[in-house]
């Protein structure tokens, strides 16, 4: 099942796809699936609205009898530097990305719990969330987007513990979509007919794998994917520990320990992992 959320972000119509008169993008994809012999239904709503997120899950259950897999891939962009960003630009991105992921997860998880209690046994369920390299690298012009995507990773790790019997993972995909049309405008598609490194076709196989029983041992993980490459991101680790001489630190102690520790480090070396932006197929 496909969902179209609102409000919409940047739009892009994939090359070669015929636009149906007056049809929303989700309806177009659903029509393509049906034309290929599959089953699909589109829900035109706002996943950041709690009630509409509930209706989305209920539509899947009524149309197919149950919900097995939830792929949260929703977002808008309102890019601006932090010193000029408006409250609405901050709130709308956090709401659509972060609350949108939470709302659908909440009702999908409740559905699986209810089914499990009713059947008296385990049921199948998988969640794949969409984060972004912007959260890993910092992305100076996207404080709202980077914060929302970092929040999604936090939501993923928390949900993965609570829903371990099902499985929850997050991916950081790099692909051309309606939302990223302007972001990747300077990267031309190959002229020789080879698959575009930014084509969504590089991402969908990983989503399919993570949603399948084959990925039963993958839970609470973060993976970067694009251009024929998948990178597993390791969790943060403690780089150093400093202990107070007595019960609590004094300013002088902290100055004597932390100042030398950071003195020889490059000024741009922060908690951000900008090196992920250089990952590519070897």
Foldseek 3Di string as FASTA:
>chain_A
DEEAAPDAAFADDDPPQDDDVPDDPQVSVQVVQVVVPHHDDYHYYHLLDLVSLLVVLVVCCVVPVHDAEAEADWFHADWAAPVPDDPCRLVVGLSRQQSSVVSNVVNNVVRQVVVCVVVVHHDEHEYEYEAALCLQAVVRRGPSNNVSSVNVLVVQLVVCVVPVQHAGEYEHEQADGSRCCVVCVVPDADPVPDGGQRHCVFVVVVVVCRSDPVVNVHHSWYWYTTRNDIDTDDDDDDPDDDDDPDDDHDPVRCCVPVVVVCVPPPPPDDSHDNCVVVDYDD
